[in-house]
Amino acid sequence: MKFGPCRLAQATGAVLAHSVAVPGGRLRKGRVLSAQDIDALAQAGLEEVIVARLDAGDVGEDAAAADLAQAVLGSAAGVRLTEPFTGRVNLLAQGPGVVRLDVAALEAINAVDPMITIATVPPWQQMAAGGMIATIKIISYGVSGAALARAVQAAGGGAVDFCPPRMATARLIVTQIPGGVGDKGKEAIADRLAALDVTLSAVVMVPHRTAELRSALLAATEDLVLILTGSATSDPEDVAPSAVRAAGGTVARFGMPVDPGNLLFLGDIAGRPVIGLPGCARAPALNGADWVLSRVICGIDVSSADIAGMGVGGLLKEIPTRPQPRRGRRPS
């Protein structure tokens, strides 16, 4: 692509690089100049303009962005591509879900040519309908077809995947202790579920004892079971994990390197996921449970190793209710 000043007599068919005021209006950058545009520029008193002119084998910005967007999306469903405009195409979620990214492929795309770019949300980001998953921007007015072909190849048939919710119902079991907070937090938890199109169909209150919690677990018929204990679960042998095992289930992971959210545990009873929520889930602020909850609801397997890998980036924004464990006292 050639870029620079051009006499008006040679500018027909070139791409206007910068917007220019003309009598009766304005010619916007990115416009392919017609004979009428050249006349308007002459009437504005100009003798030359800054233009871009594609070489043989170059691909215009909009066409390049559209081709790369389709390659990045591949066969993934639940994502809408916007119409290309000024070299940009956005990938938008059509409903709630979680984004799965091929990070290596995306990095390879961005390494092909500085004029070819893609920016995305972080891996495993939870999305709402209409949320922007990624934006592809061709910075220049055109790129070489060879560079575009390499970027398309790097996409590998799809570097962005979208996982919609696979569950419809959830049960919240709350254990009670004398003087405890009762079912405080159920609205925040219901809102989390609703954001993923899951209905909180039952809230069950039981004493903070293994036997009673075991019975409540065995009675569950929902797709997902959440446990919120009246007293913090502080050991793999504590009441809630023990009740899961007593109900014939397993506990795959106790504890996570995310703060707030350390005291989460993840288990299973006869194929039904069970998540022991940390106390911070009573508040709407982001915590580690959100990362596990969204993936589980969207049918993404979460292993102990996956949770262990959440520590880098797992120091979340401080919430007003608990700054003291994470920050020392200020000097007086």
Protein backbone atom coordinates (compact mmCIF):
# COMPACT_ATOMS: atom_id res chain seq x y z
CA MET A 1 0.00 0.00 0.00
CA LYS A 2 1.24 3.48 -0.85
CA PHE A 3 0.45 6.32 1.53
CA GLY A 4 1.14 10.01 1.21
CA PRO A 5 0.27 13.27 -0.56
CA CYS A 6 -1.26 13.08 -4.01
CA ARG A 7 -2.18 15.72 -6.58
CA LEU A 8 -5.91 15.93 -7.13
CA ALA A 9 -5.53 14.97 -10.77
CA GLN A 10 -4.18 11.56 -9.71
CA ALA A 11 -6.37 11.01 -6.63
CA THR A 12 -9.48 9.49 -8.21
CA GLY A 13 -9.99 5.96 -6.86
CA ALA A 14 -7.61 6.46 -3.93
CA VAL A 15 -8.67 6.26 -0.27
CA LEU A 16 -8.89 9.58 1.53
CA ALA A 17 -6.59 9.35 4.55
CA HIS A 18 -7.91 12.32 6.55
CA SER A 19 -11.33 13.95 6.69
CA VAL A 20 -11.57 17.20 4.71
CA ALA A 21 -14.12 20.00 4.86
CA VAL A 22 -15.59 20.88 1.48
CA PRO A 23 -18.36 23.26 0.41
CA GLY A 24 -21.65 21.89 1.69
CA GLY A 25 -20.20 19.21 3.94
CA ARG A 26 -17.23 17.02 4.77
CA LEU A 27 -15.50 14.11 3.09
CA ARG A 28 -14.73 11.48 5.72
CA LYS A 29 -11.50 9.56 5.92
CA GLY A 30 -11.62 6.10 4.40
CA ARG A 31 -13.74 7.31 1.47
CA VAL A 32 -12.79 6.11 -2.00
CA LEU A 33 -12.54 9.36 -3.94
CA SER A 34 -14.81 9.80 -6.96
CA ALA A 35 -14.62 12.39 -9.73
CA GLN A 36 -17.29 14.40 -7.89
CA ASP A 37 -15.20 14.27 -4.71
CA ILE A 38 -12.19 15.62 -6.63
CA ASP A 39 -14.31 18.54 -7.86
CA ALA A 40 -15.45 19.27 -4.29
CA LEU A 41 -11.86 19.22 -3.07
CA ALA A 42 -10.84 21.60 -5.83
CA GLN A 43 -13.69 23.95 -4.87
CA ALA A 44 -12.32 23.89 -1.33
CA GLY A 45 -9.08 25.31 -2.72
CA LEU A 46 -6.99 22.16 -2.34
CA GLU A 47 -4.40 21.05 -4.84
CA GLU A 48 -3.44 17.79 -3.14
CA VAL A 49 -4.69 15.44 -0.42
CA ILE A 50 -3.21 12.65 1.69
CA VAL A 51 -4.38 9.31 0.33
CA ALA A 52 -3.78 5.58 0.55
CA ARG A 53 -3.62 3.54 -2.60
CA LEU A 54 -3.76 -0.26 -2.46
CA ASP A 55 -1.12 -2.23 -4.32
CA ALA A 56 -1.90 -5.29 -6.35
CA GLY A 57 -2.58 -8.12 -3.90
CA ASP A 58 -3.65 -5.81 -1.06
CA VAL A 59 -7.00 -6.27 0.65
CA GLY A 60 -9.09 -3.31 1.82
CA GLU A 61 -9.57 -2.76 5.53
CA ASP A 62 -13.22 -3.78 5.72
CA ALA A 63 -12.84 -6.92 3.63
CA ALA A 64 -9.73 -7.94 5.59
CA ALA A 65 -11.48 -7.43 8.94
CA ALA A 66 -14.49 -9.46 7.80
CA ASP A 67 -12.34 -12.34 6.53
CA LEU A 68 -10.30 -12.52 9.72
CA ALA A 69 -13.37 -12.26 11.97
CA GLN A 70 -14.97 -15.23 10.25
CA ALA A 71 -11.75 -17.24 10.56
CA VAL A 72 -11.42 -16.40 14.27
CA LEU A 73 -15.02 -17.36 14.95
CA GLY A 74 -14.93 -20.57 12.94
CA SER A 75 -18.00 -22.68 13.62
CA ALA A 76 -18.68 -21.28 17.10
CA ALA A 77 -22.34 -20.56 17.81
CA GLY A 78 -23.87 -17.88 19.99
CA VAL A 79 -21.72 -15.05 18.63
CA ARG A 80 -22.74 -12.31 16.20
CA LEU A 81 -20.33 -10.52 13.87
CA THR A 82 -20.99 -6.84 13.24
CA GLU A 83 -20.79 -5.39 9.76
CA PRO A 84 -17.26 -4.17 8.99
CA PHE A 85 -16.80 -0.42 9.36
CA THR A 86 -13.55 1.54 9.13
CA GLY A 87 -11.64 -1.72 9.26
CA ARG A 88 -13.35 -3.00 12.41
CA VAL A 89 -15.53 -6.03 13.14
CA ASN A 90 -16.80 -6.80 16.64
CA LEU A 91 -17.75 -10.21 18.02
CA LEU A 92 -20.81 -9.90 20.27
CA ALA A 93 -22.36 -12.49 22.57
CA GLN A 94 -25.94 -13.29 21.63
CA GLY A 95 -26.78 -14.44 25.14
CA PRO A 96 -25.13 -15.21 28.49
CA GLY A 97 -22.21 -17.60 28.59
CA VAL A 98 -18.48 -18.02 29.03
CA VAL A 99 -15.75 -17.30 26.47
CA ARG A 100 -13.19 -19.97 25.68
CA LEU A 101 -10.09 -18.67 23.86
CA ASP A 102 -7.18 -20.25 22.03
CA VAL A 103 -4.62 -17.85 23.45
CA ALA A 104 -1.71 -19.18 21.40
CA ALA A 105 -3.67 -18.74 18.16
CA LEU A 106 -4.71 -15.21 19.07
CA GLU A 107 -1.15 -14.26 19.92
CA ALA A 108 -0.01 -15.72 16.61
CA ILE A 109 -2.55 -13.57 14.76
CA ASN A 110 -1.29 -10.41 16.44
CA ALA A 111 2.30 -11.35 15.56
CA VAL A 112 1.66 -11.53 11.81
CA ASP A 113 1.58 -7.80 11.00
CA PRO A 114 1.22 -4.76 13.27
CA MET A 115 -1.62 -3.55 11.03
CA ILE A 116 -3.68 -6.67 11.83
CA THR A 117 -5.00 -6.68 15.39
CA ILE A 118 -7.44 -8.53 17.58
CA ALA A 119 -8.28 -7.63 21.18
CA THR A 120 -10.39 -9.89 23.39
CA VAL A 121 -11.78 -10.17 26.87
CA PRO A 122 -9.75 -12.39 29.24
CA PRO A 123 -10.06 -16.18 28.87
CA TRP A 124 -13.13 -17.66 30.57
CA GLN A 125 -14.84 -14.29 30.83
CA GLN A 126 -18.53 -14.45 31.68
CA MET A 127 -20.61 -12.53 29.15
CA ALA A 128 -24.10 -11.08 29.02
CA ALA A 129 -26.18 -10.72 25.87
CA GLY A 130 -24.68 -8.04 23.64
CA GLY A 131 -21.33 -8.04 25.41
CA MET A 132 -18.26 -7.55 23.22
CA ILE A 133 -16.07 -10.64 23.19
CA ALA A 134 -13.47 -9.38 20.73
CA THR A 135 -12.77 -6.60 18.28
CA ILE A 136 -10.76 -7.00 15.10
CA LYS A 137 -9.22 -3.83 13.74
CA ILE A 138 -7.20 -3.39 10.57
CA ILE A 139 -5.21 -0.28 11.42
CA SER A 140 -4.18 0.73 7.91
CA TYR A 141 -6.56 1.20 4.98
CA GLY A 142 -5.44 -2.11 3.56
CA VAL A 143 -3.04 -5.00 4.19
CA SER A 144 -1.24 -7.40 1.95
CA GLY A 145 -3.22 -10.45 0.98
CA ALA A 146 -0.28 -12.61 2.00
CA ALA A 147 -0.27 -11.20 5.55
CA LEU A 148 -4.02 -11.63 5.81
CA ALA A 149 -3.72 -15.23 4.66
CA ARG A 150 -1.15 -15.92 7.40
CA ALA A 151 -3.43 -14.38 10.02
CA VAL A 152 -6.38 -16.45 8.82
CA GLN A 153 -4.23 -19.58 8.92
CA ALA A 154 -3.06 -18.73 12.46
CA ALA A 155 -6.70 -18.64 13.55
CA GLY A 156 -6.71 -22.40 13.00
CA GLY A 157 -10.36 -22.64 12.05
CA GLY A 158 -11.57 -20.87 15.17
CA ALA A 159 -9.74 -19.17 18.03
CA VAL A 160 -12.83 -17.93 19.88
CA ASP A 161 -15.47 -20.26 21.28
CA PHE A 162 -18.58 -19.43 23.27
CA CYS A 163 -20.17 -21.72 25.84
CA PRO A 164 -23.80 -20.93 26.73
CA PRO A 165 -25.45 -22.16 29.94
CA ARG A 166 -26.18 -25.90 30.10
CA MET A 167 -28.11 -25.86 33.37
CA ALA A 168 -31.55 -24.48 34.15
CA THR A 169 -32.12 -24.91 37.90
CA ALA A 170 -30.17 -24.69 41.13
CA ARG A 171 -30.79 -25.40 44.81
CA LEU A 172 -29.21 -23.38 47.60
CA ILE A 173 -28.75 -25.19 50.92
CA VAL A 174 -27.97 -22.86 53.82
CA THR A 175 -26.74 -24.23 57.14
CA GLN A 176 -27.72 -22.40 60.31
CA ILE A 177 -25.87 -21.81 63.54
CA PRO A 178 -27.13 -20.06 66.69
CA GLY A 179 -26.86 -16.32 66.18
CA GLY A 180 -25.95 -16.75 62.52
CA VAL A 181 -27.03 -14.63 59.56
CA GLY A 182 -29.69 -17.04 58.26
CA ASP A 183 -30.33 -16.89 54.55
CA LYS A 184 -28.62 -13.53 54.05
CA GLY A 185 -27.08 -13.50 50.59
CA LYS A 186 -29.70 -15.55 48.79
CA GLU A 187 -30.67 -12.56 46.63
CA ALA A 188 -27.07 -11.99 45.54
CA ILE A 189 -26.75 -15.68 44.70
CA ALA A 190 -30.08 -15.69 42.85
CA ASP A 191 -28.89 -12.70 40.81
CA ARG A 192 -25.67 -14.50 39.90
CA LEU A 193 -27.67 -17.48 38.68
CA ALA A 194 -30.20 -15.33 36.81
CA ALA A 195 -27.35 -13.69 34.89
CA LEU A 196 -26.68 -17.16 33.47
CA ASP A 197 -30.36 -17.98 32.85
CA VAL A 198 -30.49 -20.34 35.84
CA THR A 199 -33.45 -20.31 38.23
CA LEU A 200 -32.87 -20.62 41.97
CA SER A 201 -35.78 -23.01 42.42
CA ALA A 202 -35.30 -23.85 46.11
CA VAL A 203 -33.63 -22.41 49.20
CA VAL A 204 -33.38 -25.00 51.98
CA MET A 205 -32.38 -24.15 55.56
CA VAL A 206 -30.83 -26.90 57.70
CA PRO A 207 -28.86 -27.03 60.95
CA HIS A 208 -25.09 -26.86 60.58
CA ARG A 209 -24.65 -30.58 61.06
CA THR A 210 -23.41 -33.29 58.69
CA ALA A 211 -26.45 -35.57 58.91
CA GLU A 212 -29.03 -32.89 58.17
CA LEU A 213 -26.95 -31.44 55.34
CA ARG A 214 -26.49 -34.93 53.87
CA SER A 215 -30.27 -35.43 53.78
CA ALA A 216 -30.78 -32.09 52.04
CA LEU A 217 -28.17 -33.00 49.44
CA LEU A 218 -29.80 -36.35 48.72
CA ALA A 219 -33.18 -34.65 48.27
CA ALA A 220 -31.91 -32.30 45.57
CA THR A 221 -33.33 -32.73 42.07
CA GLU A 222 -31.97 -29.53 40.51
CA ASP A 223 -29.12 -29.39 37.99
CA LEU A 224 -26.78 -27.73 40.47
CA VAL A 225 -26.48 -27.64 44.26
CA LEU A 226 -24.92 -24.74 46.14
CA ILE A 227 -24.03 -24.87 49.83
CA LEU A 228 -23.65 -21.77 51.98
CA THR A 229 -22.60 -22.59 55.51
CA GLY A 230 -23.48 -20.58 58.58
CA SER A 231 -19.95 -21.09 59.86
CA ALA A 232 -16.99 -20.76 57.51
CA THR A 233 -15.80 -24.05 56.00
CA SER A 234 -12.16 -24.13 57.03
CA ASP A 235 -11.03 -27.72 56.49
CA PRO A 236 -11.62 -30.55 53.97
CA GLU A 237 -13.13 -32.55 56.85
CA ASP A 238 -15.48 -29.77 57.93
CA VAL A 239 -19.27 -30.19 57.96
CA ALA A 240 -20.10 -29.35 54.34
CA PRO A 241 -17.38 -31.39 52.56
CA SER A 242 -18.05 -34.27 54.94
CA ALA A 243 -21.76 -34.15 54.11
CA VAL A 244 -21.01 -34.37 50.40
CA ARG A 245 -18.95 -37.51 50.95
CA ALA A 246 -21.57 -38.92 53.34
CA ALA A 247 -24.12 -38.52 50.52
CA GLY A 248 -21.96 -40.71 48.30
CA GLY A 249 -20.28 -37.84 46.52
CA THR A 250 -16.72 -36.68 46.05
CA VAL A 251 -14.87 -33.44 46.74
CA ALA A 252 -12.50 -32.63 43.88
CA ARG A 253 -11.05 -29.46 45.36
CA PHE A 254 -11.15 -27.64 48.66
CA GLY A 255 -9.77 -24.10 48.71
CA MET A 256 -8.77 -21.82 45.86
CA PRO A 257 -5.98 -19.27 45.34
CA VAL A 258 -8.40 -16.41 44.72
CA ASP A 259 -9.11 -13.67 47.22
CA PRO A 260 -11.91 -13.10 48.06
CA GLY A 261 -13.10 -16.65 47.60
CA ASN A 262 -10.46 -18.86 49.27
CA LEU A 263 -12.94 -21.09 51.09
CA LEU A 264 -14.70 -22.56 48.06
CA PHE A 265 -14.96 -26.28 47.48
CA LEU A 266 -16.11 -28.20 44.41
CA GLY A 267 -17.71 -31.62 44.50
CA ASP A 268 -20.11 -33.99 42.80
CA ILE A 269 -22.94 -36.30 43.83
CA ALA A 270 -24.05 -38.82 41.21
CA GLY A 271 -23.11 -36.49 38.38
CA ARG A 272 -24.70 -33.40 39.93
CA PRO A 273 -22.16 -30.64 40.63
CA VAL A 274 -22.00 -29.33 44.18
CA ILE A 275 -20.29 -26.03 44.97
CA GLY A 276 -19.53 -25.00 48.52
CA LEU A 277 -19.67 -21.21 48.40
CA PRO A 278 -17.34 -18.97 50.39
CA GLY A 279 -18.99 -16.49 52.72
CA CYS A 280 -18.13 -13.60 50.40
CA ALA A 281 -20.71 -14.97 47.93
CA ARG A 282 -23.34 -13.33 50.15
CA ALA A 283 -22.29 -10.03 48.58
CA PRO A 284 -22.66 -9.15 44.89
CA ALA A 285 -18.99 -8.21 44.45
CA LEU A 286 -16.87 -10.44 42.21
CA ASN A 287 -15.19 -13.33 44.02
CA GLY A 288 -13.59 -16.64 43.16
CA ALA A 289 -16.88 -18.51 43.29
CA ASP A 290 -18.08 -16.54 40.26
CA TRP A 291 -15.25 -17.98 38.15
CA VAL A 292 -16.12 -21.55 39.08
CA LEU A 293 -19.91 -21.09 39.04
CA SER A 294 -20.03 -19.66 35.51
CA ARG A 295 -17.87 -22.41 34.05
CA VAL A 296 -19.79 -25.21 35.76
CA ILE A 297 -23.14 -23.80 34.62
CA CYS A 298 -21.86 -23.53 31.05
CA GLY A 299 -20.80 -27.17 30.97
CA ILE A 300 -17.06 -26.55 31.19
CA ASP A 301 -15.17 -29.14 33.23
CA VAL A 302 -13.34 -27.55 36.16
CA SER A 303 -10.56 -29.63 37.68
CA SER A 304 -8.46 -29.12 40.77
CA ALA A 305 -5.62 -28.07 38.48
CA ASP A 306 -7.88 -25.49 36.81
CA ILE A 307 -8.66 -23.92 40.17
CA ALA A 308 -4.99 -23.99 41.16
CA GLY A 309 -4.25 -22.03 37.97
CA MET A 310 -6.59 -19.20 38.94
CA GLY A 311 -4.12 -17.70 41.40
CA VAL A 312 -2.32 -15.50 38.88
CA GLY A 313 -4.80 -12.66 38.52
CA GLY A 314 -6.75 -14.02 41.46
CA LEU A 315 -6.18 -11.04 43.76
CA LEU A 316 -9.53 -9.38 43.13
CA LYS A 317 -10.70 -5.91 43.93
CA GLU A 318 -10.98 -5.20 47.61
CA ILE A 319 -14.52 -5.05 48.95
CA PRO A 320 -15.48 -2.62 51.73
CA THR A 321 -16.65 -5.35 54.09
CA ARG A 322 -13.27 -7.02 54.46
CA PRO A 323 -10.23 -4.88 53.80
CA GLN A 324 -8.48 -5.71 57.05
CA PRO A 325 -7.18 -9.22 56.27
CA ARG A 326 -5.50 -7.96 53.11
CA ARG A 327 -3.98 -4.66 54.15
CA GLY A 328 -1.92 -3.73 57.15
CA ARG A 329 -2.83 -0.94 59.53
CA ARG A 330 -1.73 2.47 58.36
CA PRO A 331 1.04 4.09 60.39
CA SER A 332 -0.32 6.58 62.91
